PDB file of N, CA and C in Angstrom:
ATOM      1  N   MET A   1      17.552  16.856  -2.667  1.00  0.00           N
ATOM      2  CA  MET A   1      17.808  15.900  -3.247  1.00  0.00           C
ATOM      3  C   MET A   1      18.685  14.491  -2.865  1.00  0.00           C
ATOM      4  N   ASP A   2      18.295  13.338  -2.103  1.00  0.00           N
ATOM      5  CA  ASP A   2      19.453  12.627  -2.167  1.00  0.00           C
ATOM      6  C   ASP A   2      19.289  11.595  -3.535  1.00  0.00           C
ATOM      7  N   LEU A   3      20.138  11.758  -3.870  1.00  0.00           N
ATOM      8  CA  LEU A   3      20.152  10.644  -5.568  1.00  0.00           C
ATOM      9  C   LEU A   3      21.010   9.917  -5.107  1.00  0.00           C
ATOM     10  N   SER A   4      21.747   9.258  -4.088  1.00  0.00           N
ATOM     11  CA  SER A   4      22.040   8.475  -4.247  1.00  0.00           C
ATOM     12  C   SER A   4      21.195   6.794  -4.134  1.00  0.00           C
ATOM     13  N   PRO A   5      20.153   6.990  -3.958  1.00  0.00           N
ATOM     14  CA  PRO A   5      19.572   5.139  -4.839  1.00  0.00           C
ATOM     15  C   PRO A   5      19.802   5.624  -6.470  1.00  0.00           C
ATOM     16  N   ILE A   6      20.054   6.586  -6.875  1.00  0.00           N
ATOM     17  CA  ILE A   6      20.180   6.469  -8.532  1.00  0.00           C
ATOM     18  C   ILE A   6      22.355   6.227  -8.966  1.00  0.00           C
ATOM     19  N   THR A   7      22.642   6.922  -7.932  1.00  0.00           N
ATOM     20  CA  THR A   7      24.418   7.469  -8.104  1.00  0.00           C
ATOM     21  C   THR A   7      24.934   5.764  -7.656  1.00  0.00           C
ATOM     22  N   ALA A   8      23.774   4.328  -7.105  1.00  0.00           N
ATOM     23  CA  ALA A   8      24.339   3.552  -5.852  1.00  0.00           C
ATOM     24  C   ALA A   8      24.349   2.845  -7.539  1.00  0.00           C
ATOM     25  N   ARG A   9      23.438   3.555  -9.001  1.00  0.00           N
ATOM     26  CA  ARG A   9      23.090   2.663  -9.744  1.00  0.00           C
ATOM     27  C   ARG A   9      24.007   2.718 -10.957  1.00  0.00           C
ATOM     28  N   MET A  10      25.072   3.964 -10.807  1.00  0.00           N
ATOM     29  CA  MET A  10      25.539   4.146 -11.994  1.00  0.00           C
ATOM     30  C   MET A  10      27.089   3.784 -11.482  1.00  0.00           C
ATOM     31  N   PRO A  11      27.803   3.488 -13.324  1.00  0.00           N
ATOM     32  CA  PRO A  11      28.814   3.249 -13.492  1.00  0.00           C
ATOM     33  C   PRO A  11      30.175   4.338 -12.239  1.00  0.00           C
ATOM     34  N   SER A  12      31.094   4.243 -11.838  1.00  0.00           N
ATOM     35  CA  SER A  12      31.704   5.287 -11.176  1.00  0.00           C
ATOM     36  C   SER A  12      31.798   6.790 -12.058  1.00  0.00           C
ATOM     37  N   HIS A  13      32.745   6.158 -14.007  1.00  0.00           N
ATOM     38  CA  HIS A  13      32.260   7.332 -15.029  1.00  0.00           C
ATOM     39  C   HIS A  13      31.196   8.367 -14.690  1.00  0.00           C
ATOM     40  N   ALA A  14      30.587   7.112 -14.450  1.00  0.00           N
ATOM     41  CA  ALA A  14      28.918   8.221 -14.856  1.00  0.00           C
ATOM     42  C   ALA A  14      28.485   8.988 -13.894  1.00  0.00           C
ATOM     43  N   ARG A  15      27.582  10.726 -14.529  1.00  0.00           N
ATOM     44  CA  ARG A  15      27.420  11.988 -14.138  1.00  0.00           C
ATOM     45  C   ARG A  15      26.062  11.368 -14.408  1.00  0.00           C
ATOM     46  N   ILE A  16      24.721  12.151 -13.281  1.00  0.00           N
ATOM     47  CA  ILE A  16      23.361  13.172 -13.876  1.00  0.00           C
ATOM     48  C   ILE A  16      23.986  14.353 -13.752  1.00  0.00           C
ATOM     49  N   GLY A  17      23.367  14.591 -15.311  1.00  0.00           N
ATOM     50  CA  GLY A  17      23.203  15.747 -16.245  1.00  0.00           C
ATOM     51  C   GLY A  17      21.681  16.326 -16.589  1.00  0.00           C
ATOM     52  N   ILE A  18      21.404  16.249 -15.358  1.00  0.00           N
ATOM     53  CA  ILE A  18      19.612  17.352 -15.388  1.00  0.00           C
ATOM     54  C   ILE A  18      19.861  18.081 -14.270  1.00  0.00           C
ATOM     55  N   GLY A  19      18.920  19.016 -14.007  1.00  0.00           N
ATOM     56  CA  GLY A  19      18.229  19.737 -13.063  1.00  0.00           C
ATOM     57  C   GLY A  19      17.077  19.478 -12.183  1.00  0.00           C
ATOM     58  N   PRO A  20      17.788  20.541 -10.864  1.00  0.00           N
ATOM     59  CA  PRO A  20      16.929  19.684  -9.379  1.00  0.00           C
ATOM     60  C   PRO A  20      15.608  19.466  -9.539  1.00  0.00           C
ATOM     61  N   GLY A  21      15.039  20.546 -10.806  1.00  0.00           N
ATOM     62  CA  GLY A  21      13.880  20.487 -10.850  1.00  0.00           C
ATOM     63  C   GLY A  21      12.948  19.092 -11.054  1.00  0.00           C
ATOM     64  N   TRP A  22      13.608  18.508 -11.870  1.00  0.00           N
ATOM     65  CA  TRP A  22      13.663  16.672 -12.707  1.00  0.00           C
ATOM     66  C   TRP A  22      14.290  15.955 -11.885  1.00  0.00           C
ATOM     67  N   TYR A  23      14.394  16.028 -10.429  1.00  0.00           N
ATOM     68  CA  TYR A  23      15.914  15.116  -9.103  1.00  0.00           C
ATOM     69  C   TYR A  23      14.589  14.240  -8.693  1.00  0.00           C
ATOM     70  N   GLY A  24      13.017  14.562  -8.667  1.00  0.00           N
ATOM     71  CA  GLY A  24      11.485  13.874  -7.900  1.00  0.00           C
ATOM     72  C   GLY A  24      11.324  13.111  -8.869  1.00  0.00           C
ATOM     73  N   LEU A  25      11.215  13.062 -10.242  1.00  0.00           N
ATOM     74  CA  LEU A  25      11.005  12.715 -10.781  1.00  0.00           C
ATOM     75  C   LEU A  25      12.187  11.206 -11.814  1.00  0.00           C
ATOM     76  N   LEU A  26      13.491  11.829 -11.329  1.00  0.00           N
ATOM     77  CA  LEU A  26      14.143  10.636 -11.525  1.00  0.00           C
ATOM     78  C   LEU A  26      13.846   9.547 -10.194  1.00  0.00           C
ATOM     79  N   LEU A  27      14.008  10.238  -9.290  1.00  0.00           N
ATOM     80  CA  LEU A  27      13.822   9.219  -7.959  1.00  0.00           C
ATOM     81  C   LEU A  27      12.511   8.104  -8.096  1.00  0.00           C
ATOM     82  N   ALA A  28      11.373   8.987  -9.111  1.00  0.00           N
ATOM     83  CA  ALA A  28       9.824   7.938  -9.164  1.00  0.00           C
ATOM     84  C   ALA A  28       9.934   6.707  -9.908  1.00  0.00           C
ATOM     85  N   LEU A  29      10.984   7.735 -10.972  1.00  0.00           N
ATOM     86  CA  LEU A  29      11.372   6.490 -12.117  1.00  0.00           C
ATOM     87  C   LEU A  29      11.976   4.788 -11.549  1.00  0.00           C
ATOM     88  N   ASP A  30      13.111   5.612 -10.505  1.00  0.00           N
ATOM     89  CA  ASP A  30      13.992   4.468  -9.879  1.00  0.00           C
ATOM     90  C   ASP A  30      13.131   3.473  -9.082  1.00  0.00           C
ATOM     91  N   LYS A  31      12.319   4.147  -8.536  1.00  0.00           N
ATOM     92  CA  LYS A  31      11.648   2.968  -7.927  1.00  0.00           C
ATOM     93  C   LYS A  31      10.857   2.612  -8.901  1.00  0.00           C
ATOM     94  N   GLU A  32      10.599   2.792  -9.576  1.00  0.00           N
ATOM     95  CA  GLU A  32       8.940   2.187 -10.761  1.00  0.00           C
ATOM     96  C   GLU A  32      10.486   0.893 -10.980  1.00  0.00           C
ATOM     97  N   LEU A  33      11.407   1.303 -11.580  1.00  0.00           N
ATOM     98  CA  LEU A  33      12.045   0.395 -12.019  1.00  0.00           C
ATOM     99  C   LEU A  33      12.823  -0.797 -11.723  1.00  0.00           C
ATOM    100  N   ALA A  34      13.106  -0.208 -10.594  1.00  0.00           N
ATOM    101  CA  ALA A  34      13.532  -1.086  -9.432  1.00  0.00           C
ATOM    102  C   ALA A  34      12.508  -2.076  -9.005  1.00  0.00           C
ATOM    103  N   ALA A  35      11.305  -1.887  -9.219  1.00  0.00           N
ATOM    104  CA  ALA A  35      10.336  -2.873  -8.726  1.00  0.00           C
ATOM    105  C   ALA A  35       9.915  -4.255  -9.663  1.00  0.00           C
ATOM    106  N   LEU A  36      10.174  -3.685 -10.698  1.00  0.00           N
ATOM    107  CA  LEU A  36      10.179  -4.488 -11.857  1.00  0.00           C
ATOM    108  C   LEU A  36      11.796  -5.393 -12.455  1.00  0.00           C
ATOM    109  N   ALA A  37      12.958  -4.287 -11.740  1.00  0.00           N
ATOM    110  CA  ALA A  37      14.532  -5.206 -12.371  1.00  0.00           C
ATOM    111  C   ALA A  37      15.228  -4.588 -11.387  1.00  0.00           C
ATOM    112  N   PRO A  38      15.112  -5.634 -10.150  1.00  0.00           N
ATOM    113  CA  PRO A  38      15.988  -4.726  -8.710  1.00  0.00           C
ATOM    114  C   PRO A  38      17.631  -4.110  -9.365  1.00  0.00           C
ATOM    115  N   ASP A  39      17.839  -5.321 -10.056  1.00  0.00           N
ATOM    116  CA  ASP A  39      19.416  -5.231 -10.481  1.00  0.00           C
ATOM    117  C   ASP A  39      20.083  -4.351 -11.954  1.00  0.00           C
ATOM    118  N   TYR A  40      18.625  -3.388 -11.984  1.00  0.00           N
ATOM    119  CA  TYR A  40      18.959  -2.925 -13.172  1.00  0.00           C
ATOM    120  C   TYR A  40      20.357  -1.753 -12.914  1.00  0.00           C
ATOM    121  N   VAL A  41      20.826  -1.165 -14.257  1.00  0.00           N
ATOM    122  CA  VAL A  41      21.984  -0.095 -13.850  1.00  0.00           C
ATOM    123  C   VAL A  41      21.419   1.126 -14.456  1.00  0.00           C
ATOM    124  N   VAL A  42      22.320   1.753 -14.320  1.00  0.00           N
ATOM    125  CA  VAL A  42      22.126   3.683 -14.776  1.00  0.00           C
ATOM    126  C   VAL A  42      22.780   4.311 -15.904  1.00  0.00           C
ATOM    127  N   TRP A  43      22.671   3.836 -16.946  1.00  0.00           N
ATOM    128  CA  TRP A  43      24.339   4.235 -17.100  1.00  0.00           C
ATOM    129  C   TRP A  43      24.586   5.580 -17.946  1.00  0.00           C
ATOM    130  N   GLN A  44      23.248   6.343 -18.304  1.00  0.00           N
ATOM    131  CA  GLN A  44      23.391   8.052 -18.208  1.00  0.00           C
ATOM    132  C   GLN A  44      21.728   8.549 -17.929  1.00  0.00           C
ATOM    133  N   VAL A  45      21.974   9.597 -17.364  1.00  0.00           N
ATOM    134  CA  VAL A  45      20.747  10.727 -17.341  1.00  0.00           C
ATOM    135  C   VAL A  45      21.188  12.435 -17.534  1.00  0.00           C
ATOM    136  N   LYS A  46      20.498  12.368 -18.455  1.00  0.00           N
ATOM    137  CA  LYS A  46      20.867  13.787 -18.941  1.00  0.00           C
ATOM    138  C   LYS A  46      19.791  14.809 -19.230  1.00  0.00           C
ATOM    139  N   GLN A  47      19.843  15.911 -19.698  1.00  0.00           N
ATOM    140  CA  GLN A  47      19.011  16.829 -20.325  1.00  0.00           C
ATOM    141  C   GLN A  47      19.271  16.406 -22.505  1.00  0.00           C
ATOM    142  N   ASP A  48      18.118  15.882 -22.792  1.00  0.00           N
ATOM    143  CA  ASP A  48      18.348  15.624 -24.489  1.00  0.00           C
ATOM    144  C   ASP A  48      17.063  16.551 -24.988  1.00  0.00           C
ATOM    145  N   GLY A  49      17.379  17.428 -25.536  1.00  0.00           N
ATOM    146  CA  GLY A  49      15.988  18.435 -26.755  1.00  0.00           C
ATOM    147  C   GLY A  49      15.295  18.899 -25.649  1.00  0.00           C
ATOM    148  N   GLY A  50      15.378  19.031 -24.526  1.00  0.00           N
ATOM    149  CA  GLY A  50      14.300  19.512 -23.677  1.00  0.00           C
ATOM    150  C   GLY A  50      13.720  18.569 -22.373  1.00  0.00           C
ATOM    151  N   GLY A  51      14.341  17.319 -23.028  1.00  0.00           N
ATOM    152  CA  GLY A  51      14.086  16.486 -21.552  1.00  0.00           C
ATOM    153  C   GLY A  51      14.565  15.319 -21.260  1.00  0.00           C
ATOM    154  N   MET A  52      14.131  14.698 -19.749  1.00  0.00           N
ATOM    155  CA  MET A  52      15.222  13.965 -19.382  1.00  0.00           C
ATOM    156  C   MET A  52      15.141  12.972 -19.997  1.00  0.00           C
ATOM    157  N   ASP A  53      16.392  12.590 -20.309  1.00  0.00           N
ATOM    158  CA  ASP A  53      16.632  11.265 -21.243  1.00  0.00           C
ATOM    159  C   ASP A  53      18.049   9.974 -20.134  1.00  0.00           C
ATOM    160  N   VAL A  54      17.222   9.092 -20.142  1.00  0.00           N
ATOM    161  CA  VAL A  54      17.375   8.080 -19.257  1.00  0.00           C
ATOM    162  C   VAL A  54      17.645   6.838 -19.405  1.00  0.00           C
ATOM    163  N   VAL A  55      19.257   6.435 -19.281  1.00  0.00           N
ATOM    164  CA  VAL A  55      19.682   5.220 -20.215  1.00  0.00           C
ATOM    165  C   VAL A  55      20.131   3.972 -19.502  1.00  0.00           C
ATOM    166  N   ALA A  56      19.188   3.169 -19.162  1.00  0.00           N
ATOM    167  CA  ALA A  56      19.453   1.923 -18.056  1.00  0.00           C
ATOM    168  C   ALA A  56      20.137   0.513 -19.411  1.00  0.00           C
ATOM    169  N   ARG A  57      20.223  -0.166 -18.396  1.00  0.00           N
ATOM    170  CA  ARG A  57      20.738  -1.509 -18.857  1.00  0.00           C
ATOM    171  C   ARG A  57      19.932  -2.681 -17.999  1.00  0.00           C
ATOM    172  N   LEU A  58      19.485  -3.684 -18.519  1.00  0.00           N
ATOM    173  CA  LEU A  58      18.587  -4.877 -17.494  1.00  0.00           C
ATOM    174  C   LEU A  58      20.044  -4.958 -17.090  1.00  0.00           C
ATOM    175  N   ASN A  59      20.308  -5.913 -15.853  1.00  0.00           N
ATOM    176  CA  ASN A  59      21.065  -7.442 -15.277  1.00  0.00           C
ATOM    177  C   ASN A  59      20.320  -8.302 -15.423  1.00  0.00           C
ATOM    178  N   GLY A  60      20.334  -8.904 -16.557  1.00  0.00           N
ATOM    179  CA  GLY A  60      19.120 -10.045 -16.181  1.00  0.00           C
ATOM    180  C   GLY A  60      18.364 -10.535 -17.137  1.00  0.00           C
ATOM    181  N   ASP A  61      17.255 -10.902 -17.246  1.00  0.00           N
ATOM    182  CA  ASP A  61      16.383 -11.342 -18.438  1.00  0.00           C
ATOM    183  C   ASP A  61      14.917 -11.041 -17.654  1.00  0.00           C
ATOM    184  N   LEU A  62      14.349  -9.905 -18.600  1.00  0.00           N
ATOM    185  CA  LEU A  62      12.921  -9.645 -18.213  1.00  0.00           C
ATOM    186  C   LEU A  62      11.157 -10.496 -18.982  1.00  0.00           C
ATOM    187  N   ASP A  63      10.659 -10.664 -18.190  1.00  0.00           N
ATOM    188  CA  ASP A  63       9.329 -11.362 -19.588  1.00  0.00           C
ATOM    189  C   ASP A  63       9.246  -9.614 -20.211  1.00  0.00           C
ATOM    190  N   GLU A  64       8.873 -10.273 -20.855  1.00  0.00           N
ATOM    191  CA  GLU A  64       7.604  -9.729 -22.023  1.00  0.00           C
ATOM    192  C   GLU A  64       7.253  -8.342 -21.506  1.00  0.00           C
ATOM    193  N   MET A  65       5.989  -8.648 -20.604  1.00  0.00           N
ATOM    194  CA  MET A  65       5.445  -7.482 -20.093  1.00  0.00           C
ATOM    195  C   MET A  65       5.950  -6.602 -19.320  1.00  0.00           C
ATOM    196  N   SER A  66       7.130  -7.186 -18.491  1.00  0.00           N
ATOM    197  CA  SER A  66       7.688  -6.787 -17.523  1.00  0.00           C
ATOM    198  C   SER A  66       8.751  -5.552 -18.204  1.00  0.00           C
ATOM    199  N   LEU A  67       9.130  -6.327 -19.475  1.00  0.00           N
ATOM    200  CA  LEU A  67      10.215  -5.284 -19.789  1.00  0.00           C
ATOM    201  C   LEU A  67       9.400  -4.249 -20.903  1.00  0.00           C
ATOM    202  N   ARG A  68       7.779  -4.434 -21.881  1.00  0.00           N
ATOM    203  CA  ARG A  68       7.405  -3.225 -21.786  1.00  0.00           C
ATOM    204  C   ARG A  68       7.318  -2.252 -20.691  1.00  0.00           C
ATOM    205  N   ALA A  69       6.734  -2.408 -20.199  1.00  0.00           N
ATOM    206  CA  ALA A  69       6.644  -1.952 -18.700  1.00  0.00           C
ATOM    207  C   ALA A  69       7.625  -1.167 -18.071  1.00  0.00           C
ATOM    208  N   PHE A  70       8.910  -1.929 -18.302  1.00  0.00           N
ATOM    209  CA  PHE A  70      10.681  -0.717 -17.690  1.00  0.00           C
ATOM    210  C   PHE A  70      10.157   0.097 -19.365  1.00  0.00           C
ATOM    211  N   ARG A  71      10.121  -0.053 -20.456  1.00  0.00           N
ATOM    212  CA  ARG A  71      10.573   0.811 -20.922  1.00  0.00           C
ATOM    213  C   ARG A  71       9.100   1.463 -21.466  1.00  0.00           C
ATOM    214  N   ALA A  72       8.200   1.750 -20.905  1.00  0.00           N
ATOM    215  CA  ALA A  72       7.139   3.076 -20.874  1.00  0.00           C
ATOM    216  C   ALA A  72       7.643   3.727 -19.374  1.00  0.00           C
ATOM    217  N   ALA A  73       8.026   3.436 -18.497  1.00  0.00           N
ATOM    218  CA  ALA A  73       7.851   4.010 -17.510  1.00  0.00           C
ATOM    219  C   ALA A  73       9.353   4.582 -18.023  1.00  0.00           C
ATOM    220  N   ILE A  74      10.450   4.788 -18.474  1.00  0.00           N
ATOM    221  CA  ILE A  74      11.164   5.751 -18.793  1.00  0.00           C
ATOM    222  C   ILE A  74      10.991   6.526 -19.715  1.00  0.00           C
ATOM    223  N   ARG A  75       9.681   5.819 -20.711  1.00  0.00           N
ATOM    224  CA  ARG A  75       8.896   6.852 -22.015  1.00  0.00           C
ATOM    225  C   ARG A  75       8.164   7.813 -21.398  1.00  0.00           C
ATOM    226  N   ASP A  76       7.230   7.507 -20.143  1.00  0.00           N
ATOM    227  CA  ASP A  76       6.807   8.231 -19.015  1.00  0.00           C
ATOM    228  C   ASP A  76       7.243   9.424 -18.569  1.00  0.00           C
ATOM    229  N   ALA A  77       7.962   8.982 -17.886  1.00  0.00           N
ATOM    230  CA  ALA A  77       8.681   9.632 -17.509  1.00  0.00           C
ATOM    231  C   ALA A  77       9.731  11.344 -18.610  1.00  0.00           C
ATOM    232  N   ARG A  78      10.043  10.741 -19.207  1.00  0.00           N
ATOM    233  CA  ARG A  78      10.314  11.918 -19.813  1.00  0.00           C
ATOM    234  C   ARG A  78       9.122  12.903 -20.607  1.00  0.00           C
ATOM    235  N   LYS A  79       8.336  12.309 -20.997  1.00  0.00           N
ATOM    236  CA  LYS A  79       7.148  12.697 -21.454  1.00  0.00           C
ATOM    237  C   LYS A  79       6.887  13.685 -20.272  1.00  0.00           C
ATOM    238  N   GLU A  80       6.816  13.644 -18.503  1.00  0.00           N
ATOM    239  CA  GLU A  80       6.339  14.329 -17.664  1.00  0.00           C
ATOM    240  C   GLU A  80       7.929  15.441 -18.193  1.00  0.00           C
ATOM    241  N   SER A  81       9.397  15.208 -17.980  1.00  0.00           N
ATOM    242  CA  SER A  81       9.927  16.331 -17.818  1.00  0.00           C
ATOM    243  C   SER A  81       9.614  17.540 -19.296  1.00  0.00           C
ATOM    244  N   LEU A  82       8.948  16.399 -19.953  1.00  0.00           N
ATOM    245  CA  LEU A  82       8.466  17.889 -21.137  1.00  0.00           C
ATOM    246  C   LEU A  82       7.765  18.747 -20.657  1.00  0.00           C
ATOM    247  N   ARG A  83       6.811  19.341 -19.477  1.00  0.00           N
ATOM    248  CA  ARG A  83       6.079  19.492 -18.497  1.00  0.00           C
ATOM    249  C   ARG A  83       6.096  20.044 -17.876  1.00  0.00           C
ATOM    250  N   THR A  84       7.989  20.655 -16.831  1.00  0.00           N
ATOM    251  CA  THR A  84       8.334  20.230 -15.754  1.00  0.00           C
ATOM    252  C   THR A  84       9.431  21.019 -15.675  1.00  0.00           C
ATOM    253  N   CYS A  85       9.148  22.443 -15.119  1.00  0.00           N
ATOM    254  CA  CYS A  85      10.626  22.865 -15.216  1.00  0.00           C
ATOM    255  C   CYS A  85      12.009  22.464 -14.888  1.00  0.00           C
ATOM    256  N   GLU A  86      13.100  22.940 -15.131  1.00  0.00           N
ATOM    257  CA  GLU A  86      14.109  21.620 -14.997  1.00  0.00           C
ATOM    258  C   GLU A  86      14.905  22.440 -14.058  1.00  0.00           C
ATOM    259  N   GLU A  87      14.095  23.255 -13.723  1.00  0.00           N
ATOM    260  CA  GLU A  87      15.177  23.935 -12.940  1.00  0.00           C
ATOM    261  C   GLU A  87      14.932  24.131 -11.477  1.00  0.00           C
ATOM    262  N   CYS A  88      13.330  24.010 -11.342  1.00  0.00           N
ATOM    263  CA  CYS A  88      12.209  24.177  -9.929  1.00  0.00           C
ATOM    264  C   CYS A  88      11.296  23.178 -10.001  1.00  0.00           C
ATOM    265  N   GLY A  89      11.211  22.519 -10.930  1.00  0.00           N
ATOM    266  CA  GLY A  89       9.968  21.724 -10.703  1.00  0.00           C
ATOM    267  C   GLY A  89       8.390  22.233 -10.819  1.00  0.00           C
ATOM    268  N   ASP A  90       8.250  22.855 -11.187  1.00  0.00           N
ATOM    269  CA  ASP A  90       7.017  24.037 -11.543  1.00  0.00           C
ATOM    270  C   ASP A  90       6.661  23.552 -12.706  1.00  0.00           C
ATOM    271  N   TYR A  91       5.540  23.773 -13.272  1.00  0.00           N
ATOM    272  CA  TYR A  91       5.256  23.091 -14.540  1.00  0.00           C
ATOM    273  C   TYR A  91       6.059  24.567 -15.607  1.00  0.00           C
ATOM    274  N   GLY A  92       6.593  23.618 -16.428  1.00  0.00           N
ATOM    275  CA  GLY A  92       6.879  24.227 -17.686  1.00  0.00           C
ATOM    276  C   GLY A  92       6.596  23.969 -18.865  1.00  0.00           C
ATOM    277  N   TRP A  93       7.228  24.693 -19.942  1.00  0.00           N
ATOM    278  CA  TRP A  93       6.864  23.707 -21.289  1.00  0.00           C
ATOM    279  C   TRP A  93       7.995  24.296 -21.588  1.00  0.00           C
ATOM    280  N   LEU A  94       8.180  23.401 -23.239  1.00  0.00           N
ATOM    281  CA  LEU A  94       9.447  23.096 -24.474  1.00  0.00           C
ATOM    282  C   LEU A  94       9.808  24.691 -24.382  1.00  0.00           C
ATOM    283  N   VAL A  95      11.129  24.895 -24.755  1.00  0.00           N
ATOM    284  CA  VAL A  95      12.446  26.951 -24.634  1.00  0.00           C
ATOM    285  C   VAL A  95      13.238  26.776 -25.659  1.00  0.00           C
ATOM    286  N   LEU A  96      12.327  27.041 -26.726  1.00  0.00           N
ATOM    287  CA  LEU A  96      13.329  26.839 -28.003  1.00  0.00           C
ATOM    288  C   LEU A  96      13.925  28.575 -28.215  1.00  0.00           C
ATOM    289  N   ASP A  97      15.258  28.491 -28.190  1.00  0.00           N
ATOM    290  CA  ASP A  97      16.334  29.459 -28.381  1.00  0.00           C
ATOM    291  C   ASP A  97      17.187  29.326 -29.785  1.00  0.00           C
ATOM    292  N   GLY A  98      16.858  29.091 -30.829  1.00  0.00           N
ATOM    293  CA  GLY A  98      18.367  29.022 -31.908  1.00  0.00           C
ATOM    294  C   GLY A  98      18.725  27.473 -31.819  1.00  0.00           C
ATOM    295  N   THR A  99      19.461  26.963 -31.153  1.00  0.00           N
ATOM    296  CA  THR A  99      19.573  25.672 -31.406  1.00  0.00           C
ATOM    297  C   THR A  99      19.462  25.280 -30.020  1.00  0.00           C
ATOM    298  N   TRP A 100      19.363  26.422 -29.047  1.00  0.00           N
ATOM    299  CA  TRP A 100      19.288  25.764 -27.328  1.00  0.00           C
ATOM    300  C   TRP A 100      17.622  25.159 -27.285  1.00  0.00           C
ATOM    301  N   TYR A 101      17.948  23.642 -26.367  1.00  0.00           N
ATOM    302  CA  TYR A 101      16.105  23.012 -26.093  1.00  0.00           C
ATOM    303  C   TYR A 101      16.181  23.451 -24.480  1.00  0.00           C
ATOM    304  N   ALA A 102      15.266  23.509 -23.560  1.00  0.00           N
ATOM    305  CA  ALA A 102      15.187  23.122 -22.304  1.00  0.00           C
ATOM    306  C   ALA A 102      13.383  23.279 -22.302  1.00  0.00           C
ATOM    307  N   THR A 103      13.096  22.654 -20.835  1.00  0.00           N
ATOM    308  CA  THR A 103      11.998  22.979 -19.970  1.00  0.00           C
ATOM    309  C   THR A 103      12.092  23.631 -19.066  1.00  0.00           C
ATOM    310  N   LEU A 104      11.276  24.933 -18.995  1.00  0.00           N
ATOM    311  CA  LEU A 104      11.302  25.551 -17.538  1.00  0.00           C
ATOM    312  C   LEU A 104      10.067  26.419 -17.507  1.00  0.00           C
ATOM    313  N   CYS A 105      10.042  26.631 -16.781  1.00  0.00           N
ATOM    314  CA  CYS A 105       8.819  27.458 -16.230  1.00  0.00           C
ATOM    315  C   CYS A 105       8.807  28.756 -16.670  1.00  0.00           C
ATOM    316  N   PRO A 106       8.500  29.932 -16.789  1.00  0.00           N
ATOM    317  CA  PRO A 106       8.345  31.767 -17.317  1.00  0.00           C
ATOM    318  C   PRO A 106       9.297  31.849 -16.457  1.00  0.00           C
ATOM    319  N   GLU A 107       9.758  31.415 -15.376  1.00  0.00           N
ATOM    320  CA  GLU A 107      10.716  32.877 -14.747  1.00  0.00           C
ATOM    321  C   GLU A 107      12.145  32.271 -14.974  1.00  0.00           C
ATOM    322  N   HIS A 108      12.236  30.723 -15.036  1.00  0.00           N
ATOM    323  CA  HIS A 108      13.517  30.353 -15.223  1.00  0.00           C
ATOM    324  C   HIS A 108      13.807  30.402 -17.036  1.00  0.00           C
ATOM    325  N   ALA A 109      12.921  30.675 -17.739  1.00  0.00           N
ATOM    326  CA  ALA A 109      13.271  30.596 -19.510  1.00  0.00           C
ATOM    327  C   ALA A 109      13.788  31.984 -19.443  1.00  0.00           C
ATOM    328  N   ASP A 110      13.019  33.087 -18.641  1.00  0.00           N
ATOM    329  CA  ASP A 110      13.967  34.973 -18.743  1.00  0.00           C
ATOM    330  C   ASP A 110      15.045  34.814 -18.645  1.00  0.00           C
ATOM    331  N   GLU A 111      14.996  33.565 -17.137  1.00  0.00           N
ATOM    332  CA  GLU A 111      16.989  33.951 -16.820  1.00  0.00           C
ATOM    333  C   GLU A 111      17.914  33.193 -17.518  1.00  0.00           C
ATOM    334  N   ALA A 112      17.306  31.952 -18.051  1.00  0.00           N
ATOM    335  CA  ALA A 112      18.326  31.018 -18.775  1.00  0.00           C
ATOM    336  C   ALA A 112      18.822  32.477 -20.607  1.00  0.00           C
ATOM    337  N   ARG A 113      17.769  33.394 -20.898  1.00  0.00           N
ATOM    338  CA  ARG A 113      17.618  33.625 -21.827  1.00  0.00           C
ATOM    339  C   ARG A 113      18.630  35.286 -21.214  1.00  0.00           C
ATOM    340  N   ALA A 114      18.328  35.796 -20.019  1.00  0.00           N
ATOM    341  CA  ALA A 114      19.261  36.453 -19.920  1.00  0.00           C
ATOM    342  C   ALA A 114      20.856  36.156 -19.782  1.00  0.00           C
ATOM    343  N   ARG A 115      20.893  35.401 -19.588  1.00  0.00           N
ATOM    344  CA  ARG A 115      22.463  34.466 -19.309  1.00  0.00           C
ATOM    345  C   ARG A 115      23.537  34.535 -20.953  1.00  0.00           C
ATOM    346  N   ARG A 116      22.600  33.678 -21.401  1.00  0.00           N
ATOM    347  CA  ARG A 116      22.409  33.568 -22.680  1.00  0.00           C
ATOM    348  C   ARG A 116      22.919  34.926 -23.835  1.00  0.00           C
ATOM    349  N   LEU A 117      22.477  35.750 -23.890  1.00  0.00           N
ATOM    350  CA  LEU A 117      22.400  37.323 -23.633  1.00  0.00           C
ATOM    351  C   LEU A 117      23.351  37.718 -23.389  1.00  0.00           C
ATOM    352  N   GLY A 118      24.348  37.168 -21.798  1.00  0.00           N
ATOM    353  CA  GLY A 118      25.242  37.614 -21.007  1.00  0.00           C
ATOM    354  C   GLY A 118      24.794  39.023 -20.524  1.00  0.00           C
ATOM    355  N   ARG A 119      23.161  39.214 -20.230  1.00  0.00           N
ATOM    356  CA  ARG A 119      23.048  40.254 -19.192  1.00  0.00           C
ATOM    357  C   ARG A 119      22.594  39.911 -17.495  1.00  0.00           C
TER     358      ARG A 119
END
């Protein structure tokens, strides 16, 4: 998937730290945010606590309604990521294994556990 719409909004030192299963969510979020604030900047995209965490900054002011919509779009994308396998994009759920959290489908959860156990 072409992530250039996102990387074009990021400072040169920033990286995208999520799996390919969430790329579609990230691109859909970008379209929604760009419609509200065309010049917004992405500071960080990472997995945090099993969900997609996007930190974005506005360049300029938004009216109160647009600002709420901007924040809600980021919050909604995170909620959706908590139901989407980070590896393949299929339905997933939060997997807890000690201090390790991820949202994965059964197949990828099994693979991740095996890797963590060195199998």
